[in-house]
Amino acid sequence: MDGPHGLGVTTRAFGLKGPRGWAFRGVSFDAEPGSLIAVEGPSGSGRTCLLLALTGRMKATEGSAAVGEWGLPKQSAAVRRVSALAHVPGVTDLDPALTVGEHLRERALLERRFGGSLRGLLRPRAERAAETERRVDAALTAAGLDREALPKGSRTAVRDLERLEALRLSVALALIGGPRLLGVDDTDLKLSGAERGEVWALLRSLTEAGTTVVAVCSEAPEGAVTVSTSPRTEETDEKTAEKTNAVTNAVTNEQETHEKETVDALPETGRA
């Protein structure tokens, strides 16, 4: 997998308001291409909403932001095309009944069908299959997930994965499309100190390879571009409710965008 060229991210007084108040507000920062951007704050403080807004999945209501050459929220569609999400509850959930191999095949097929060029689709089938396998292997390597080390290899069900392995799989799936901006939610949720260290090492390795990473966490690591969403005037329960509504809207938008593609692609992966 060729190394991506990360995108710079800049925001000025960036904010999102919903029916219950501000999900986040007054966010301003500058991050160079290939940065590790840590969105830090307590649960319910708008961290996920900010992640979704920066990746073009939600529309901010105040201030401005730029991701690479594209301005938000007006050019959200362009930002969505060059970004990907991993480990976002309600948006990128893994199916516990499916195996690691099934998830990888499904994502690779969707990417080949709807993320590639027409010229790529016209190549011989064997050549396309080899390219798909190469992309999958490269994504797994970048995410630090060794299929052979899993209990049943690629046939290991998601329900049997350890929490850190599931996070790595989610990241690998996102990387198959070669995003220039990667958003990862809940990077340190229910992980031990050692496991958190592994996650940050993984994300730093991605930035060193050229991808800009936005990661939601409770505590930012040293050296990251730290962005705080700590509550200012709103109550935590209102923030939590706003986050829930916002993520629900984002899921709806994602489903509307990909529903037809998934239905068309599933027969080729062997799923009913």
Protein backbone atom coordinates (compact mmCIF):
# COMPACT_ATOMS: atom_id res chain seq x y z
CA MET A 1 0.00 0.00 0.00
CA ASP A 2 1.51 3.28 -1.09
CA GLY A 3 2.00 5.75 1.72
CA PRO A 4 -0.73 8.40 1.86
CA HIS A 5 -0.08 12.09 2.04
CA GLY A 6 -1.58 13.39 5.27
CA LEU A 7 -3.76 16.46 5.46
CA GLY A 8 -3.26 19.53 7.59
CA VAL A 9 -6.19 20.43 9.85
CA THR A 10 -7.07 23.93 11.03
CA THR A 11 -10.09 25.14 12.99
CA ARG A 12 -11.20 28.55 14.21
CA ALA A 13 -13.94 28.91 16.86
CA PHE A 14 -15.38 25.64 15.54
CA GLY A 15 -18.65 24.61 17.16
CA LEU A 16 -21.72 22.45 16.78
CA LYS A 17 -25.08 23.21 18.38
CA GLY A 18 -28.09 20.95 18.54
CA PRO A 19 -31.54 20.94 20.16
CA ARG A 20 -30.05 20.46 23.65
CA GLY A 21 -27.26 22.99 23.38
CA TRP A 22 -23.63 22.95 22.29
CA ALA A 23 -22.00 19.60 21.62
CA PHE A 24 -18.66 21.42 21.39
CA ARG A 25 -17.75 25.06 20.94
CA GLY A 26 -14.80 27.39 20.51
CA VAL A 27 -12.39 24.76 19.18
CA SER A 28 -9.33 26.33 17.56
CA PHE A 29 -6.08 24.57 16.62
CA ASP A 30 -3.55 24.07 13.84
CA ALA A 31 -2.09 20.68 12.92
CA GLU A 32 0.44 19.95 10.22
CA PRO A 33 -0.03 17.10 7.71
CA GLY A 34 0.84 13.78 9.35
CA SER A 35 0.00 15.01 12.87
CA LEU A 36 -1.44 12.99 15.72
CA ILE A 37 -4.38 15.06 16.95
CA ALA A 38 -5.70 13.95 20.34
CA VAL A 39 -9.25 15.07 21.13
CA GLU A 40 -9.18 14.98 24.92
CA GLY A 41 -12.05 15.29 27.35
CA PRO A 42 -14.49 13.38 29.56
CA SER A 43 -17.17 11.17 28.08
CA GLY A 44 -20.15 13.23 26.95
CA SER A 45 -18.12 16.37 26.26
CA GLY A 46 -18.59 16.33 22.49
CA ARG A 47 -15.43 14.44 21.56
CA THR A 48 -17.12 12.11 19.07
CA CYS A 49 -19.12 14.96 17.55
CA LEU A 50 -15.89 16.87 16.90
CA LEU A 51 -14.31 13.75 15.37
CA LEU A 52 -17.27 13.32 13.04
CA ALA A 53 -17.29 17.01 12.12
CA LEU A 54 -13.58 17.01 11.26
CA THR A 55 -14.03 14.00 8.98
CA GLY A 56 -17.01 15.54 7.16
CA ARG A 57 -19.66 13.32 8.72
CA MET A 58 -21.38 16.09 10.70
CA LYS A 59 -22.11 19.72 9.90
CA ALA A 60 -20.73 22.31 12.29
CA THR A 61 -22.88 25.36 13.05
CA GLU A 62 -20.26 27.89 14.10
CA GLY A 63 -16.76 28.92 13.11
CA SER A 64 -14.69 27.38 10.34
CA ALA A 65 -12.34 24.49 9.65
CA ALA A 66 -10.09 23.38 6.83
CA VAL A 67 -8.89 19.85 6.10
CA GLY A 68 -6.20 20.06 3.49
CA GLU A 69 -7.52 22.25 0.69
CA TRP A 70 -11.16 21.76 1.65
CA GLY A 71 -13.24 23.97 3.91
CA LEU A 72 -15.80 22.64 6.37
CA PRO A 73 -18.71 22.33 6.44
CA LYS A 74 -19.25 23.37 2.79
CA GLN A 75 -16.90 20.77 1.31
CA SER A 76 -17.76 17.90 3.63
CA ALA A 77 -18.29 15.48 0.74
CA ALA A 78 -14.72 15.99 -0.45
CA VAL A 79 -13.36 15.43 3.07
CA ARG A 80 -15.37 12.22 3.41
CA ARG A 81 -13.74 10.87 0.25
CA VAL A 82 -10.22 11.23 1.68
CA SER A 83 -10.96 10.23 5.28
CA ALA A 84 -12.01 7.10 7.13
CA LEU A 85 -13.32 6.19 10.57
CA ALA A 86 -12.39 3.39 12.94
CA HIS A 87 -13.73 2.19 16.28
CA VAL A 88 -16.65 4.64 16.37
CA PRO A 89 -19.58 3.15 18.34
CA GLY A 90 -22.78 3.19 16.32
CA VAL A 91 -20.95 4.00 13.09
CA THR A 92 -18.20 1.42 12.42
CA ASP A 93 -19.33 -1.39 14.71
CA LEU A 94 -17.93 -4.81 13.88
CA ASP A 95 -20.39 -7.67 13.48
CA PRO A 96 -19.57 -10.11 16.31
CA ALA A 97 -20.91 -13.06 14.31
CA LEU A 98 -18.60 -12.49 11.34
CA THR A 99 -15.02 -13.65 11.12
CA VAL A 100 -11.97 -11.46 10.65
CA GLY A 101 -11.60 -12.76 7.10
CA GLU A 102 -15.23 -11.99 6.23
CA HIS A 103 -14.89 -8.42 7.47
CA LEU A 104 -11.72 -7.92 5.45
CA ARG A 105 -13.15 -9.41 2.26
CA GLU A 106 -16.31 -7.36 2.51
CA ARG A 107 -14.45 -4.09 3.07
CA ALA A 108 -11.95 -4.81 0.29
CA LEU A 109 -14.75 -5.61 -2.15
CA LEU A 110 -16.65 -2.45 -1.28
CA GLU A 111 -13.51 -0.39 -1.69
CA ARG A 112 -12.66 -2.03 -5.02
CA ARG A 113 -16.18 -1.57 -6.35
CA PHE A 114 -16.98 1.91 -5.13
CA GLY A 115 -13.69 3.50 -4.15
CA GLY A 116 -11.58 2.59 -7.13
CA SER A 117 -11.33 3.92 -10.67
CA LEU A 118 -13.18 2.60 -13.71
CA ARG A 119 -9.85 1.52 -15.20
CA GLY A 120 -9.23 -0.58 -12.11
CA LEU A 121 -12.58 -2.32 -12.49
CA LEU A 122 -11.73 -3.25 -16.08
CA ARG A 123 -8.50 -5.05 -15.18
CA PRO A 124 -8.41 -8.87 -15.36
CA ARG A 125 -10.06 -10.55 -12.39
CA ALA A 126 -6.88 -12.28 -11.22
CA GLU A 127 -5.03 -8.98 -11.28
CA ARG A 128 -7.78 -7.27 -9.26
CA ALA A 129 -7.80 -10.10 -6.72
CA ALA A 130 -4.03 -9.88 -6.27
CA GLU A 131 -4.24 -6.12 -5.78
CA THR A 132 -7.01 -6.55 -3.21
CA GLU A 133 -4.98 -9.08 -1.25
CA ARG A 134 -1.98 -6.78 -1.33
CA ARG A 135 -4.03 -3.88 0.07
CA VAL A 136 -5.49 -6.07 2.81
CA ASP A 137 -2.09 -7.39 3.84
CA ALA A 138 -0.63 -3.89 3.89
CA ALA A 139 -3.52 -2.59 6.01
CA LEU A 140 -3.15 -5.44 8.50
CA THR A 141 0.58 -4.86 8.76
CA ALA A 142 0.05 -1.13 9.34
CA ALA A 143 -2.54 -1.88 12.03
CA GLY A 144 -0.28 -4.45 13.69
CA LEU A 145 -2.79 -7.29 13.40
CA ASP A 146 -1.32 -10.73 12.63
CA ARG A 147 -4.04 -13.05 11.37
CA GLU A 148 -1.91 -16.11 11.97
CA ALA A 149 -1.57 -15.24 15.67
CA LEU A 150 -5.35 -15.28 16.19
CA PRO A 151 -6.97 -18.42 17.71
CA LYS A 152 -8.44 -19.56 14.38
CA GLY A 153 -6.55 -17.30 12.01
CA SER A 154 -8.79 -15.45 9.57
CA ARG A 155 -11.69 -17.69 10.67
CA THR A 156 -11.64 -16.18 14.17
CA ALA A 157 -15.02 -14.60 14.97
CA VAL A 158 -15.02 -10.98 16.07
CA ARG A 159 -16.71 -11.99 19.32
CA ASP A 160 -13.58 -13.97 20.20
CA LEU A 161 -11.16 -11.08 19.71
CA GLU A 162 -9.54 -9.27 22.60
CA ARG A 163 -10.47 -5.59 22.90
CA LEU A 164 -7.12 -4.42 21.50
CA GLU A 165 -7.32 -6.90 18.61
CA ALA A 166 -10.79 -5.62 17.71
CA LEU A 167 -9.50 -2.05 17.69
CA ARG A 168 -6.62 -3.07 15.41
CA LEU A 169 -9.06 -4.81 13.06
CA SER A 170 -11.25 -1.70 12.89
CA VAL A 171 -8.19 0.41 12.06
CA ALA A 172 -7.09 -2.10 9.40
CA LEU A 173 -10.52 -1.98 7.75
CA ALA A 174 -10.33 1.81 7.63
CA LEU A 175 -6.84 1.72 6.13
CA ILE A 176 -7.80 -0.49 3.19
CA GLY A 177 -9.07 2.58 1.35
CA GLY A 178 -5.79 4.46 1.86
CA PRO A 179 -7.26 7.47 3.74
CA ARG A 180 -5.25 10.65 4.18
CA LEU A 181 -7.13 11.44 7.39
CA LEU A 182 -8.09 8.74 9.89
CA GLY A 183 -10.49 9.30 12.79
CA VAL A 184 -10.38 6.84 15.71
CA ASP A 185 -12.84 7.01 18.60
CA ASP A 186 -12.48 5.72 22.18
CA THR A 187 -8.79 4.89 21.78
CA ASP A 188 -8.23 4.26 25.48
CA LEU A 189 -11.63 2.95 26.60
CA LYS A 190 -11.34 -0.03 28.98
CA LEU A 191 -7.70 -0.66 28.08
CA SER A 192 -4.84 -1.25 30.48
CA GLY A 193 -1.93 1.16 30.68
CA ALA A 194 0.22 -1.15 28.57
CA GLU A 195 -2.53 -1.56 25.96
CA ARG A 196 -2.99 2.20 25.74
CA GLY A 197 0.71 2.50 25.09
CA GLU A 198 0.36 0.02 22.22
CA VAL A 199 -2.52 1.99 20.71
CA TRP A 200 -0.62 5.27 20.79
CA ALA A 201 2.43 3.56 19.30
CA LEU A 202 0.21 2.23 16.50
CA LEU A 203 -1.32 5.63 15.77
CA ARG A 204 2.07 7.33 15.83
CA SER A 205 3.38 4.78 13.33
CA LEU A 206 0.50 5.70 11.00
CA THR A 207 1.34 9.39 11.23
CA GLU A 208 5.00 8.61 10.54
CA ALA A 209 3.85 6.80 7.39
CA GLY A 210 2.02 9.96 6.30
CA THR A 211 -1.57 9.66 7.55
CA THR A 212 -3.03 12.42 9.70
CA VAL A 213 -4.79 10.86 12.70
CA VAL A 214 -7.52 12.34 14.90
CA ALA A 215 -7.96 10.20 18.02
CA VAL A 216 -10.54 10.59 20.79
CA CYS A 217 -9.20 9.88 24.27
CA SER A 218 -9.62 10.68 27.94
CA GLU A 219 -5.97 11.69 28.28
CA ALA A 220 -3.74 12.85 25.42
CA PRO A 221 -0.24 11.39 25.04
CA GLU A 222 2.85 13.54 25.15
CA GLY A 223 3.76 15.19 21.88
CA ALA A 224 0.29 15.09 20.31
CA VAL A 225 -1.62 18.13 19.12
CA THR A 226 -4.05 18.25 22.03
CA VAL A 227 -7.60 19.55 21.58
CA SER A 228 -9.82 19.79 24.65
CA THR A 229 -13.61 19.44 24.65
CA SER A 230 -14.02 19.75 28.41
CA PRO A 231 -17.43 21.21 29.29
CA ARG A 232 -17.54 24.93 29.86
CA THR A 233 -21.09 26.02 30.67
CA GLU A 234 -23.27 23.08 29.64
CA GLU A 235 -24.25 20.27 32.00
CA THR A 236 -22.65 16.87 31.39
CA ASP A 237 -25.99 15.09 30.97
CA GLU A 238 -27.03 17.56 28.27
CA LYS A 239 -23.71 17.03 26.52
CA THR A 240 -24.20 13.28 26.63
CA ALA A 241 -27.68 13.56 25.16
CA GLU A 242 -26.41 15.86 22.42
CA LYS A 243 -23.62 13.43 21.57
CA THR A 244 -26.12 10.59 21.30
CA ASN A 245 -28.36 12.58 18.95
CA ALA A 246 -25.41 13.69 16.85
CA VAL A 247 -23.96 10.20 16.45
CA THR A 248 -27.40 8.89 15.53
CA ASN A 249 -27.62 11.49 12.77
CA ALA A 250 -24.14 10.59 11.57
CA VAL A 251 -25.03 6.90 11.45
CA THR A 252 -28.13 7.71 9.42
CA ASN A 253 -26.08 9.68 6.93
CA GLU A 254 -23.49 6.92 6.65
CA GLN A 255 -26.19 4.30 6.13
CA GLU A 256 -27.87 6.36 3.43
CA THR A 257 -24.55 6.77 1.65
CA HIS A 258 -23.46 3.11 1.76
CA GLU A 259 -26.67 1.06 2.02
CA LYS A 260 -26.99 0.33 -1.70
CA GLU A 261 -23.30 -0.43 -2.10
CA THR A 262 -23.37 -2.95 0.73
CA VAL A 263 -26.49 -4.68 -0.55
CA ASP A 264 -24.91 -5.03 -4.00
CA ALA A 265 -21.61 -6.26 -2.65
CA LEU A 266 -22.65 -8.77 -0.01
CA PRO A 267 -23.53 -11.60 -2.43
CA GLU A 268 -19.94 -11.57 -3.69
CA THR A 269 -18.60 -12.06 -0.17
CA GLY A 270 -20.77 -15.12 0.35
CA ARG A 271 -23.11 -13.47 2.85
CA ALA A 272 -26.87 -13.71 2.53
